[in-house]
N, C-alpha and C. Protein backbone atom coordinates (compact mmCIF):
# COMPACT_ATOMS: atom_id res chain seq x y z
N MET A 1 -73.46 47.06 161.75
CA MET A 1 -74.06 47.57 160.44
C MET A 1 -75.57 46.90 160.61
N ASP A 2 -76.30 47.72 160.29
CA ASP A 2 -77.65 46.64 159.96
C ASP A 2 -78.28 47.59 158.68
N ALA A 3 -79.64 47.26 158.54
CA ALA A 3 -80.52 47.77 157.34
C ALA A 3 -80.95 49.25 157.66
N PRO A 4 -80.77 49.89 158.94
CA PRO A 4 -80.97 51.31 158.73
C PRO A 4 -79.81 52.05 158.34
N ALA A 5 -78.57 51.60 158.32
CA ALA A 5 -77.12 52.03 158.16
C ALA A 5 -77.32 52.03 156.75
N VAL A 6 -77.50 50.77 156.28
CA VAL A 6 -77.29 50.63 154.87
C VAL A 6 -78.18 51.57 153.86
N LEU A 7 -79.44 51.63 154.56
CA LEU A 7 -80.66 52.27 153.56
C LEU A 7 -80.16 53.65 154.00
N SER A 8 -79.79 54.44 155.16
CA SER A 8 -79.09 55.71 155.09
C SER A 8 -77.95 56.03 154.32
N ALA A 9 -77.27 55.22 154.00
CA ALA A 9 -76.26 55.17 153.18
C ALA A 9 -76.66 55.47 151.58
N LEU A 10 -77.96 54.57 151.25
CA LEU A 10 -78.21 54.62 149.93
C LEU A 10 -79.13 55.83 149.74
N ARG A 11 -79.31 56.57 150.77
CA ARG A 11 -80.34 57.78 150.35
C ARG A 11 -79.32 58.92 149.99
N ALA A 12 -77.87 59.02 149.56
CA ALA A 12 -77.02 59.47 149.04
C ALA A 12 -77.46 59.47 147.50
N VAL A 13 -77.59 57.96 146.91
CA VAL A 13 -77.47 58.22 145.59
C VAL A 13 -79.12 58.35 145.15
N SER A 14 -79.21 59.42 144.00
CA SER A 14 -80.49 59.90 143.47
C SER A 14 -80.95 59.77 142.51
N ASP A 15 -82.15 59.71 142.06
CA ASP A 15 -82.50 59.45 140.46
C ASP A 15 -82.44 60.94 139.75
N PRO A 16 -81.68 61.19 138.85
CA PRO A 16 -81.61 62.62 138.08
C PRO A 16 -82.82 63.06 137.64
N ASP A 17 -83.35 62.28 137.12
CA ASP A 17 -84.81 62.77 136.55
C ASP A 17 -85.76 63.16 137.66
N LEU A 18 -85.85 62.42 138.73
CA LEU A 18 -86.73 62.66 139.75
C LEU A 18 -86.41 63.57 140.98
N HIS A 19 -85.15 63.68 140.59
CA HIS A 19 -84.56 64.54 141.75
C HIS A 19 -84.93 63.93 143.28
N LYS A 20 -84.89 62.73 143.43
CA LYS A 20 -85.21 62.14 145.16
C LYS A 20 -84.41 60.96 144.90
N ASP A 21 -84.14 60.57 146.46
CA ASP A 21 -83.12 59.67 146.71
C ASP A 21 -83.78 58.01 146.18
N ILE A 22 -83.17 56.92 146.17
CA ILE A 22 -83.68 55.85 145.45
C ILE A 22 -84.38 55.49 146.70
N VAL A 23 -84.52 55.50 147.94
CA VAL A 23 -84.67 54.66 149.31
C VAL A 23 -86.33 55.48 149.06
N THR A 24 -86.22 56.95 148.74
CA THR A 24 -87.18 57.51 149.32
C THR A 24 -88.50 56.89 147.83
N LEU A 25 -87.95 56.72 146.92
CA LEU A 25 -88.67 56.31 145.59
C LEU A 25 -89.25 54.89 145.46
N GLY A 26 -88.43 54.10 146.71
CA GLY A 26 -89.02 52.94 146.49
C GLY A 26 -88.27 51.86 145.76
N PHE A 27 -86.91 52.17 144.74
CA PHE A 27 -86.20 51.34 144.31
C PHE A 27 -85.46 50.55 144.76
N VAL A 28 -85.04 50.79 146.03
CA VAL A 28 -84.16 49.40 146.68
C VAL A 28 -85.46 48.10 147.04
N LYS A 29 -84.65 47.43 146.71
CA LYS A 29 -85.52 45.93 146.87
C LYS A 29 -84.89 44.87 147.54
N ASP A 30 -85.14 43.57 148.32
CA ASP A 30 -84.44 42.84 148.54
C ASP A 30 -83.07 43.02 149.46
N LEU A 31 -83.36 43.70 150.42
CA LEU A 31 -82.05 43.90 151.10
C LEU A 31 -81.24 43.04 152.12
N ARG A 32 -80.19 42.25 151.83
CA ARG A 32 -80.00 41.01 152.25
C ARG A 32 -78.60 41.57 153.33
N ILE A 33 -78.29 41.32 154.58
CA ILE A 33 -77.06 41.31 154.97
C ILE A 33 -76.59 39.91 156.01
N GLU A 34 -75.70 39.78 155.47
CA GLU A 34 -74.98 38.62 155.94
C GLU A 34 -73.80 38.68 156.64
N GLY A 35 -73.53 39.14 157.58
CA GLY A 35 -72.39 39.47 158.04
C GLY A 35 -71.62 40.57 157.34
N GLY A 36 -70.67 40.54 156.96
CA GLY A 36 -69.83 41.77 156.47
C GLY A 36 -70.71 42.19 154.96
N ARG A 37 -71.50 40.87 154.57
CA ARG A 37 -71.61 40.95 152.55
C ARG A 37 -73.24 41.54 152.94
N VAL A 38 -73.51 42.54 151.94
CA VAL A 38 -74.47 43.06 151.80
C VAL A 38 -75.14 43.07 150.47
N GLY A 39 -76.28 42.50 150.15
CA GLY A 39 -77.02 42.55 148.65
C GLY A 39 -78.24 43.47 148.69
N PHE A 40 -78.30 43.69 147.43
CA PHE A 40 -79.66 44.41 147.21
C PHE A 40 -79.95 44.58 145.87
N THR A 41 -81.28 44.96 145.50
CA THR A 41 -81.55 44.91 143.91
C THR A 41 -82.10 46.07 143.85
N ILE A 42 -81.80 46.83 142.89
CA ILE A 42 -82.41 48.49 142.53
C ILE A 42 -83.11 48.22 141.50
N GLU A 43 -84.64 48.43 141.66
CA GLU A 43 -85.58 48.18 140.82
C GLU A 43 -85.93 49.75 140.22
N LEU A 44 -85.29 49.78 138.51
CA LEU A 44 -85.56 50.98 137.71
C LEU A 44 -87.21 51.29 137.49
N THR A 45 -87.50 52.22 136.82
CA THR A 45 -88.95 52.38 135.98
C THR A 45 -88.92 51.79 134.73
N THR A 46 -87.73 52.00 134.43
CA THR A 46 -87.44 51.80 132.70
C THR A 46 -86.09 50.86 132.54
N PRO A 47 -86.30 50.08 131.58
CA PRO A 47 -84.91 49.12 131.48
C PRO A 47 -83.82 50.06 130.71
N ALA A 48 -84.02 50.99 130.05
CA ALA A 48 -83.49 51.64 129.14
C ALA A 48 -82.83 53.30 129.80
N CYS A 49 -82.75 53.09 131.19
CA CYS A 49 -82.23 54.00 131.90
C CYS A 49 -80.85 54.63 131.35
N PRO A 50 -80.56 55.76 130.91
CA PRO A 50 -79.15 56.38 130.55
C PRO A 50 -78.38 56.15 131.69
N VAL A 51 -78.70 56.54 132.86
CA VAL A 51 -77.56 56.62 134.56
C VAL A 51 -77.65 55.07 135.04
N LYS A 52 -78.08 54.01 134.54
CA LYS A 52 -78.21 52.76 135.27
C LYS A 52 -76.89 52.28 135.78
N ASP A 53 -75.69 52.18 135.26
CA ASP A 53 -74.63 52.25 135.43
C ASP A 53 -73.92 52.95 136.50
N ALA A 54 -73.89 54.29 136.24
CA ALA A 54 -73.68 55.30 137.20
C ALA A 54 -74.16 54.88 138.72
N MET A 55 -75.83 54.86 138.40
CA MET A 55 -76.30 54.82 139.83
C MET A 55 -76.01 53.27 140.54
N GLN A 56 -75.80 52.58 139.61
CA GLN A 56 -75.30 51.28 140.44
C GLN A 56 -73.82 51.33 140.91
N GLU A 57 -72.79 52.05 140.38
CA GLU A 57 -71.69 52.49 140.80
C GLU A 57 -71.84 53.36 142.25
N GLN A 58 -72.53 54.12 142.19
CA GLN A 58 -72.84 55.18 143.25
C GLN A 58 -73.44 54.27 144.37
N ALA A 59 -74.40 53.34 144.40
CA ALA A 59 -74.75 52.66 145.52
C ALA A 59 -73.79 51.59 145.88
N ARG A 60 -73.15 51.09 145.45
CA ARG A 60 -71.88 50.25 145.68
C ARG A 60 -71.10 50.73 146.45
N GLN A 61 -70.65 52.14 146.05
CA GLN A 61 -69.50 52.59 146.80
C GLN A 61 -70.18 53.21 148.19
N ALA A 62 -71.53 53.88 147.96
CA ALA A 62 -71.96 54.23 149.15
C ALA A 62 -72.21 53.45 150.08
N VAL A 63 -72.66 52.11 149.89
CA VAL A 63 -72.56 51.02 150.73
C VAL A 63 -71.62 50.57 151.19
N ALA A 64 -70.37 50.44 150.31
CA ALA A 64 -69.21 49.87 150.84
C ALA A 64 -68.60 51.00 151.81
N ALA A 65 -69.00 52.19 152.40
CA ALA A 65 -68.27 53.37 153.06
C ALA A 65 -69.10 52.59 154.46
N VAL A 66 -70.24 52.16 154.39
CA VAL A 66 -70.90 51.73 155.66
C VAL A 66 -69.54 51.17 156.57
N PRO A 67 -69.58 51.25 157.87
CA PRO A 67 -68.66 50.35 158.71
C PRO A 67 -69.11 49.01 158.87
N GLY A 68 -68.11 48.08 158.77
CA GLY A 68 -68.20 46.82 158.65
C GLY A 68 -68.71 46.01 157.26
N VAL A 69 -68.95 46.77 156.17
CA VAL A 69 -69.26 46.25 155.23
C VAL A 69 -67.99 45.73 154.56
N SER A 70 -67.92 44.50 154.10
CA SER A 70 -66.84 43.88 153.24
C SER A 70 -66.94 43.52 151.85
N GLU A 71 -68.28 43.50 151.45
CA GLU A 71 -68.24 43.17 150.25
C GLU A 71 -69.95 43.53 149.70
N VAL A 72 -70.08 43.93 148.21
CA VAL A 72 -71.60 44.80 148.15
C VAL A 72 -71.90 43.85 146.76
N GLU A 73 -72.97 43.76 146.80
CA GLU A 73 -73.62 43.03 145.56
C GLU A 73 -74.94 43.63 144.88
N VAL A 74 -74.59 44.44 144.19
CA VAL A 74 -76.10 45.20 143.37
C VAL A 74 -76.51 44.70 142.13
N THR A 75 -77.74 44.38 142.45
CA THR A 75 -78.40 43.53 141.21
C THR A 75 -79.56 44.97 140.86
N MET A 76 -79.12 44.93 139.14
CA MET A 76 -80.41 46.32 138.24
C MET A 76 -80.91 45.52 137.99
N THR A 77 -82.35 45.86 138.25
CA THR A 77 -83.61 45.34 137.54
C THR A 77 -84.66 46.68 136.99
N ALA A 78 -85.65 46.37 135.98
CA ALA A 78 -86.66 47.13 135.74
C ALA A 78 -87.99 46.57 135.91
N ALA A 79 -88.67 47.50 136.26
CA ALA A 79 -90.52 46.99 136.16
C ALA A 79 -91.15 48.16 135.57
N VAL A 80 -91.64 48.43 134.69
CA VAL A 80 -92.25 49.27 133.88
C VAL A 80 -93.59 49.22 134.44
N ARG A 81 -93.57 50.47 134.97
CA ARG A 81 -95.31 50.48 135.99
C ARG A 81 -96.44 50.77 134.56
N THR A 82 -97.38 50.12 134.89
CA THR A 82 -98.31 50.49 133.62
C THR A 82 -99.77 51.40 134.99
N ALA A 83 -100.23 52.08 133.78
CA ALA A 83 -101.17 53.30 134.56
C ALA A 83 -102.73 52.56 134.73
N HIS A 84 -103.52 52.23 135.62
CA HIS A 84 -104.43 51.45 135.77
C HIS A 84 -105.54 52.18 136.01
N ASN A 85 -106.65 52.50 135.77
CA ASN A 85 -107.61 53.39 135.86
C ASN A 85 -108.98 52.32 136.55
N PRO A 86 -109.00 52.18 137.98
CA PRO A 86 -110.02 51.34 138.49
C PRO A 86 -111.47 52.25 138.21
N ALA A 87 -111.48 53.46 138.08
CA ALA A 87 -112.84 54.06 138.05
C ALA A 87 -113.47 53.31 136.38
N SER A 88 -112.29 53.17 135.93
CA SER A 88 -112.69 52.97 134.30
C SER A 88 -113.64 51.62 134.32
N GLN A 89 -114.69 51.65 133.42
CA GLN A 89 -115.42 50.07 133.38
C GLN A 89 -115.21 49.66 132.32
N GLN A 90 -114.19 50.04 131.18
CA GLN A 90 -113.70 49.45 130.00
C GLN A 90 -112.40 48.57 130.63
N ALA A 91 -112.73 47.68 130.04
CA ALA A 91 -112.09 46.07 129.85
C ALA A 91 -110.45 45.94 129.13
N PRO A 92 -109.38 46.06 129.67
CA PRO A 92 -108.07 46.11 129.05
C PRO A 92 -107.98 45.68 128.03
N VAL A 93 -107.43 45.64 127.04
CA VAL A 93 -106.80 44.92 125.99
C VAL A 93 -106.50 43.88 125.85
N PRO A 94 -106.89 42.45 125.62
CA PRO A 94 -106.49 41.10 125.93
C PRO A 94 -105.36 41.09 125.18
N GLY A 95 -104.06 40.65 126.08
CA GLY A 95 -102.79 40.57 125.84
C GLY A 95 -102.21 41.34 125.32
N VAL A 96 -102.56 42.75 125.91
CA VAL A 96 -101.75 43.97 125.74
C VAL A 96 -101.12 44.46 127.03
N ARG A 97 -100.11 45.08 127.70
CA ARG A 97 -99.54 45.41 128.40
C ARG A 97 -99.74 46.39 128.56
N ASN A 98 -99.11 47.78 127.75
CA ASN A 98 -99.20 48.83 127.82
C ASN A 98 -99.66 49.45 126.36
N VAL A 99 -100.50 50.87 126.62
CA VAL A 99 -100.74 51.41 125.28
C VAL A 99 -100.42 52.72 125.40
N ILE A 100 -100.19 53.21 124.23
CA ILE A 100 -99.46 54.74 123.97
C ILE A 100 -100.35 55.22 123.02
N ALA A 101 -100.83 56.36 123.47
CA ALA A 101 -101.86 57.26 122.70
C ALA A 101 -100.79 57.97 121.87
N VAL A 102 -101.34 58.18 120.63
CA VAL A 102 -100.66 58.94 119.60
C VAL A 102 -101.54 59.79 118.87
N GLY A 103 -101.04 61.04 119.65
CA GLY A 103 -102.34 62.36 118.94
C GLY A 103 -101.73 62.76 117.59
N ALA A 104 -102.57 63.18 117.07
CA ALA A 104 -102.33 64.17 115.78
C ALA A 104 -101.36 65.37 115.76
N GLY A 105 -100.58 65.40 114.99
CA GLY A 105 -99.50 66.62 115.35
C GLY A 105 -98.63 67.02 113.84
N LYS A 106 -97.66 67.69 113.66
CA LYS A 106 -96.69 68.03 113.03
C LYS A 106 -96.57 66.94 112.37
N GLY A 107 -96.48 66.59 110.88
CA GLY A 107 -96.06 65.73 109.99
C GLY A 107 -94.52 65.85 110.09
N GLY A 108 -94.16 64.41 109.98
CA GLY A 108 -92.78 63.73 109.86
C GLY A 108 -92.17 63.58 111.26
N VAL A 109 -93.21 63.47 112.40
CA VAL A 109 -92.40 63.22 113.87
C VAL A 109 -92.45 61.66 114.34
N GLY A 110 -92.79 61.02 113.65
CA GLY A 110 -92.73 59.42 113.65
C GLY A 110 -94.15 58.82 114.32
N LYS A 111 -95.26 59.37 114.13
CA LYS A 111 -96.59 59.04 114.48
C LYS A 111 -96.78 57.64 114.36
N THR A 112 -96.65 57.19 112.80
CA THR A 112 -96.97 55.82 112.26
C THR A 112 -95.56 55.10 112.70
N THR A 113 -94.30 55.56 112.88
CA THR A 113 -93.40 54.39 113.35
C THR A 113 -94.10 54.16 115.14
N VAL A 114 -94.22 55.13 115.67
CA VAL A 114 -94.86 54.60 117.17
C VAL A 114 -95.98 54.08 116.87
N ALA A 115 -97.19 53.87 116.18
CA ALA A 115 -97.88 53.30 116.24
C ALA A 115 -97.56 51.94 115.94
């Protein structure tokens, strides 16, 4: 059992929204193999992922099926990716990590709540 075998098994786990496997999407981080013990982190793009638990269990089962694996440790994390436009000359808002644009629209849809 080696890293390519583990990564190959993890290709069976896909993100239901992005329709790609978690290896291709770069969600698998910190792969560790010590004897029959395998550990890794799945880093999602949002901490509120509704299928996080199911994805964790799918990954655990996929890796556990690899010959030679005796124990699997899956850690789930999230890193919200920010949009950055390097061509922009405007400095980012100090102390603000993310900016959400709220446009005009139909009344009663939550613009004030979001703002």
